[in-house]
Protein backbone atom coordinates (compact mmCIF):
# COMPACT_ATOMS: atom_id res chain seq x y z
CA MET A 1 92.81 52.98 154.10
CA LYS A 2 92.51 51.63 157.13
CA THR A 3 94.87 53.00 159.89
CA LEU A 4 94.88 50.82 163.34
CA LEU A 5 97.60 51.82 165.85
CA PRO A 6 98.51 48.99 168.09
CA LEU A 7 95.62 47.24 169.34
CA GLU A 8 97.67 46.53 172.27
CA GLU A 9 101.11 47.89 174.46
CA PRO A 10 100.24 46.83 178.29
CA LEU A 11 103.02 48.24 179.28
CA ALA A 12 102.19 48.47 183.06
CA GLU A 13 102.25 44.54 183.01
CA SER A 14 105.32 44.33 180.71
CA ALA A 15 107.92 46.83 182.07
CA PRO A 16 108.40 44.92 185.49
CA LEU A 17 108.87 41.34 183.35
CA SER A 18 110.91 43.66 181.05
CA HIS A 19 113.23 44.41 183.94
CA ARG A 20 113.42 40.65 185.58
CA LEU A 21 114.10 39.68 181.55
CA ALA A 22 116.89 42.13 181.17
CA LEU A 23 118.53 40.50 184.50
CA ALA A 24 118.45 37.16 183.33
CA HIS A 25 119.51 37.72 179.75
CA CYS A 26 121.35 41.10 179.04
CA ARG A 27 125.11 39.87 178.63
CA PRO A 28 128.36 42.10 177.75
CA LEU A 29 128.17 42.32 173.90
CA PHE A 30 131.26 42.88 172.25
CA ALA A 31 133.63 45.66 173.17
CA MET A 32 131.27 46.50 175.33
CA GLY A 33 132.21 45.47 178.15
CA GLU A 34 129.24 45.73 180.54
CA ALA A 35 125.66 44.29 180.33
CA CYS A 36 122.71 45.97 178.53
CA ALA A 37 120.45 45.32 181.30
CA TRP A 38 120.62 49.32 182.18
CA TYR A 39 119.09 49.92 178.61
CA HIS A 40 116.38 46.62 178.07
CA GLY A 41 115.35 46.19 181.43
CA PHE A 42 114.52 50.07 181.58
CA TRP A 43 113.12 51.26 178.68
CA GLN A 44 109.66 50.53 179.14
CA ASP A 45 109.21 52.21 182.59
CA LEU A 46 110.83 55.70 180.37
CA ARG A 47 108.09 54.91 178.06
CA LEU A 48 105.74 54.78 180.92
CA MET A 49 106.79 57.75 182.23
CA GLY A 50 106.04 59.65 179.06
CA LEU A 51 110.26 59.74 178.70
CA ALA A 52 111.36 57.81 175.88
CA LYS A 53 109.75 57.79 172.30
CA THR A 54 107.80 54.94 171.05
CA CYS A 55 109.19 54.48 167.69
CA GLY A 56 111.19 57.47 167.65
CA GLY A 57 107.45 59.54 167.85
CA GLN A 58 106.78 57.86 164.02
CA ALA A 59 104.36 54.43 164.80
CA GLU A 60 101.35 56.56 162.94
CA PHE A 61 103.91 56.83 159.31
CA LEU A 62 105.37 53.17 160.45
CA VAL A 63 102.02 51.39 160.78
CA GLU A 64 100.82 53.32 157.78
CA THR A 65 103.25 52.01 155.53
CA LEU A 66 103.37 48.51 156.68
CA LEU A 67 99.35 48.59 156.12
CA GLY A 68 100.02 49.74 152.48
CA LEU A 69 102.33 46.84 152.13
CA THR A 70 99.89 44.36 153.60
CA ARG A 71 98.15 44.69 150.00
CA ALA A 72 100.98 44.19 148.00
CA ALA A 73 101.65 41.28 146.34
CA GLU A 74 104.48 38.69 148.07
CA SER A 75 104.75 41.43 150.96
CA SER A 76 103.75 38.53 154.02
CA ARG A 77 107.67 38.25 155.51
CA VAL A 78 108.65 40.83 157.65
CA LEU A 79 111.86 40.76 159.15
CA ILE A 80 112.81 43.54 162.35
CA SER A 81 116.45 44.75 162.77
CA GLY A 82 117.00 45.33 166.26
CA SER A 83 114.01 46.03 168.57
CA ALA A 84 114.08 47.63 172.38
CA ASP A 85 111.09 45.88 173.22
CA TYR A 86 107.89 44.62 171.70
CA SER A 87 107.17 47.39 170.15
CA MET A 88 108.05 47.12 166.44
CA PRO A 89 106.61 43.73 166.80
CA ALA A 90 102.89 45.34 167.55
CA LEU A 91 103.07 47.41 164.99
CA ALA A 92 103.44 44.94 162.37
CA ILE A 93 101.29 41.85 164.14
CA SER A 94 98.18 44.90 164.33
CA ALA A 95 98.62 46.52 160.54
CA TYR A 96 98.63 42.83 159.23
CA GLN A 97 96.05 41.28 161.20
CA SER A 98 93.82 44.30 161.04
CA GLU A 99 93.77 43.68 157.28
CA GLY A 100 93.50 39.58 157.79
CA ALA A 101 96.52 39.50 156.09
CA ALA A 102 99.16 36.66 156.44
CA LEU A 103 102.24 37.81 158.17
CA GLN A 104 105.91 35.76 158.98
CA LEU A 105 107.50 37.85 161.27
CA THR A 106 110.93 37.28 162.28
CA VAL A 107 112.93 39.63 165.11
CA VAL A 108 116.58 39.90 164.84
CA ASP A 109 118.78 41.35 167.68
CA ARG A 110 121.78 40.61 169.34
CA CYS A 111 120.25 40.13 173.05
CA GLU A 112 118.09 37.70 174.06
CA THR A 113 115.71 40.41 176.24
CA PRO A 114 113.87 42.47 173.95
CA LEU A 115 113.38 38.68 172.15
CA ALA A 116 111.72 37.16 174.88
CA LEU A 117 109.70 40.05 175.10
CA SER A 118 108.52 40.10 171.54
CA ARG A 119 107.54 36.68 171.66
CA TRP A 120 105.61 37.12 174.60
CA TYR A 121 104.07 39.79 173.03
CA ALA A 122 103.18 37.80 169.94
CA LYS A 123 101.86 35.21 172.01
CA ARG A 124 99.04 37.28 173.76
CA ARG A 125 98.11 38.33 169.99
CA GLU A 126 98.16 34.83 168.80
CA ALA A 127 100.77 35.67 166.03
CA ALA A 128 103.11 33.35 164.75
CA ILE A 129 107.09 34.82 165.28
CA ILE A 130 111.00 33.94 164.47
CA THR A 131 113.27 35.16 166.87
CA ARG A 132 117.17 35.12 165.87
CA CYS A 133 119.73 36.29 168.82
CA ARG A 134 122.54 37.76 166.63
CA ASP A 135 124.07 40.55 164.85
CA ILE A 136 121.96 41.76 162.04
CA LEU A 137 125.15 41.72 159.97
CA ASP A 138 125.86 38.43 160.89
CA ASP A 139 122.24 37.21 159.55
CA ASP A 140 121.59 34.60 157.11
CA ALA A 141 117.72 34.22 156.54
CA PRO A 142 116.27 30.87 155.29
CA GLU A 143 114.55 32.63 152.46
CA PRO A 144 114.99 36.34 151.47
CA VAL A 145 112.49 38.59 153.36
CA ASP A 146 109.68 41.54 151.62
CA VAL A 147 110.16 43.70 154.33
CA VAL A 148 113.06 45.01 156.39
CA PHE A 149 111.62 47.32 158.97
CA THR A 150 113.50 49.27 161.88
CA ASN A 151 113.75 52.38 163.79
CA SER A 152 116.27 54.61 165.34
CA PHE A 153 118.94 51.70 164.06
CA LEU A 154 121.52 53.95 162.08
CA GLY A 155 122.83 55.45 165.42
CA SER A 156 123.71 52.03 166.56
CA PHE A 157 126.60 52.29 163.72
CA ASP A 158 129.10 54.54 163.27
CA PRO A 159 129.54 55.92 159.65
CA ALA A 160 132.17 53.32 158.82
CA SER A 161 129.77 50.62 159.16
CA ARG A 162 127.44 51.40 158.07
CA PRO A 163 127.49 50.59 154.30
CA ARG A 164 128.16 46.84 156.16
CA LEU A 165 124.76 47.42 157.48
CA MET A 166 122.75 48.27 154.36
CA ALA A 167 124.56 45.40 152.56
CA ALA A 168 123.27 43.13 155.29
CA TRP A 169 119.46 44.47 154.35
CA ARG A 170 120.03 44.06 151.11
CA ARG A 171 121.34 40.55 151.56
CA LEU A 172 117.96 39.46 153.27
CA LEU A 173 115.67 41.13 151.00
CA ARG A 174 114.30 40.02 147.81
CA PRO A 175 115.00 41.97 144.90
CA GLY A 176 112.14 44.28 145.13
CA GLY A 177 111.81 44.00 148.66
CA LYS A 178 110.83 47.34 150.67
CA LEU A 179 113.59 48.59 153.51
CA VAL A 180 111.26 50.65 155.98
CA PHE A 181 113.15 52.81 159.20
CA THR A 182 113.18 56.09 160.75
CA ASN A 183 115.87 57.84 162.51
CA ARG A 184 116.03 61.29 164.22
CA LEU A 185 118.54 63.70 162.47
CA ARG A 186 121.36 65.85 164.36
CA PRO A 187 122.56 68.13 161.60
CA HIS A 188 125.43 69.66 163.34
CA ALA A 189 126.39 66.89 165.14
CA GLY A 190 130.16 65.87 164.76
CA ALA A 191 130.90 61.86 163.45
CA GLU A 192 131.77 60.74 166.78
CA ALA A 193 129.24 58.94 169.18
CA ILE A 194 127.26 61.18 171.33
CA GLY A 195 125.94 60.83 175.09
CA PHE A 196 123.63 62.90 177.36
CA ASP A 197 126.07 65.84 179.20
CA ALA A 198 126.15 66.64 182.81
CA GLY A 199 123.30 68.78 182.82
CA GLN A 200 120.91 66.58 180.61
CA ALA A 201 121.62 63.60 183.16
CA ARG A 202 120.76 65.79 186.28
CA GLY A 203 117.24 66.51 184.16
CA PHE A 204 116.35 63.23 182.92
CA ALA A 205 117.29 61.69 186.86
CA GLU A 206 114.97 64.59 188.34
CA ALA A 207 112.03 64.17 185.36
CA ALA A 208 112.10 60.29 186.27
CA ARG A 209 112.23 60.70 190.47
CA ARG A 210 108.81 62.97 189.70
CA GLU A 211 107.32 60.47 187.05
CA ALA A 212 107.57 57.66 189.53
CA GLU A 213 106.28 59.67 192.23
CA ARG A 214 103.46 60.56 190.01
CA ARG A 215 102.47 57.01 188.32
CA ARG A 216 103.28 55.36 191.91
CA THR A 217 100.05 53.43 191.13
CA THR A 218 100.72 52.42 187.91
CA LEU A 219 104.61 52.37 187.39
CA GLY A 220 104.81 50.05 190.67
CA LEU A 221 108.74 51.56 191.09
CA ASP A 222 110.14 53.71 194.07
CA PRO A 223 111.16 57.27 192.61
CA ASP A 224 114.35 56.75 194.00
CA GLU A 225 115.21 53.59 191.79
CA ALA A 226 113.94 55.44 189.16
CA ALA A 227 115.78 58.03 189.13
CA ARG A 228 119.18 55.50 190.18
CA ARG A 229 118.55 53.75 186.86
CA ALA A 230 117.97 56.89 184.86
CA GLN A 231 120.86 58.40 186.28
CA ALA A 232 122.69 54.93 184.98
CA TYR A 233 121.14 55.35 181.44
CA ALA A 234 122.26 58.76 180.87
CA GLU A 235 125.70 57.88 181.93
CA ARG A 236 125.91 54.68 179.66
CA TYR A 237 124.21 55.91 176.29
CA ARG A 238 125.52 56.61 173.39
CA SER A 239 124.35 57.16 169.86
CA TYR A 240 126.12 57.77 166.30
CA PRO A 241 124.42 60.94 164.79
CA VAL A 242 122.69 60.93 161.36
CA ARG A 243 123.33 64.01 159.86
CA SER A 244 120.79 64.75 157.20
CA LEU A 245 118.78 63.30 154.44
CA ASP A 246 122.02 63.53 151.64
CA GLU A 247 123.82 61.33 154.07
CA ILE A 248 120.93 58.60 153.91
CA ALA A 249 120.23 58.79 150.20
CA ARG A 250 124.12 58.52 149.68
CA LEU A 251 124.35 55.43 152.14
CA LEU A 252 121.33 53.80 149.85
CA GLY A 253 122.19 54.63 146.65
CA GLN A 254 125.64 53.23 147.09
CA GLY A 255 123.74 50.42 148.71
CA GLY A 256 121.79 48.88 146.07
CA PHE A 257 118.72 50.56 147.24
CA ALA A 258 116.34 53.20 145.03
CA VAL A 259 114.51 55.85 146.77
CA ASP A 260 110.63 55.43 147.55
CA LEU A 261 110.37 58.01 150.18
CA LEU A 262 112.60 60.25 151.87
CA ASP A 263 111.62 63.17 154.19
CA VAL A 264 111.39 64.80 157.33
CA ALA A 265 109.13 64.73 160.37
CA THR A 266 109.08 67.02 163.61
CA HIS A 267 108.36 65.06 167.10
CA PRO A 268 107.27 68.00 169.38
CA GLY A 269 109.00 66.73 172.20
CA ARG A 270 107.42 67.49 176.27
CA GLU A 271 107.18 71.26 176.73
CA GLY A 272 107.04 73.58 179.48
CA THR A 273 108.20 72.27 182.88
CA ALA A 274 108.11 68.40 181.68
CA ALA A 275 110.50 69.28 178.99
CA VAL A 276 113.34 66.47 179.08
CA SER A 277 116.71 66.69 176.36
CA GLY A 278 119.03 63.90 175.00
CA PRO A 279 119.54 60.83 173.39
CA SER A 280 116.52 58.94 172.95
CA THR A 281 114.24 60.99 175.19
CA ALA A 282 111.31 62.39 174.45
CA GLU A 283 112.65 65.96 173.38
CA ARG A 284 111.83 67.45 170.36
CA ALA A 285 113.11 66.33 167.29
CA GLU A 286 113.54 65.86 163.62
CA TYR A 287 113.30 62.30 161.98
CA ALA A 288 114.17 60.84 158.68
CA ARG A 289 111.49 58.45 157.02
CA VAL A 290 112.35 56.33 154.64
CA ILE A 291 111.03 53.81 152.54
CA ALA A 292 113.77 52.29 149.89
CA THR A 293 113.21 49.23 146.89
CA ARG A 294 115.78 46.80 146.85
CA ARG A 295 117.37 46.45 143.69
């Protein structure tokens, strides 16, 4: 089987673009009361600095799964449910283009910034793309899709809201369509949203300062500014923990999905003095990997 990771992720070019787009497009969302530019405008810099994991460190699994789906009958309609930038569209475009397979790609997100980045990237790759700026819970595709694809998205929803997410994914998929996602597991966490503690936030900001200094030529970001943005990111980031494979299996079963694959992979994280900790960072962590079929 041919495995082809993204041919191109021009982060040095797109990171400053993402910052400009975030300033132009990020708006307060629902009850959050604050625009999301602190996240969308800095995420690609964090990836460039090696402080954040691309697709949860599970890009190889995701692209291999997509490569397999390119060979399946009627698997050309792919919907990405939430995207921090263009990384997940890049995986889909590379997988399908590597096989010369037709791809009807849609990205749904409630913020315009990652959608604009996805359109920018798709144009570079001469790939067609549809973007819809809306909450996935309210999305209604013109026709059912063959694949719903996402990463680390369950953490955006509290446990009580996750059945609605499963219902939305099922509604968007055709019978027999595939749901593919990965998500970090936190077996010892509670149900409440978690963020960085004070020590993690300080360490994260200092790591950003060091990496910006080390990468001045490619990053083009003042180290003090990098530390300021990292501190702002750490103060604001929140995610609802997913605690176990059993939790995911129950959601899938009750949501009308049959499990094809449900296992765990470990991301090794940064080691030694380069280590960082905190949600969404490149720390050692276990990830659930999921392939399920819509019944």
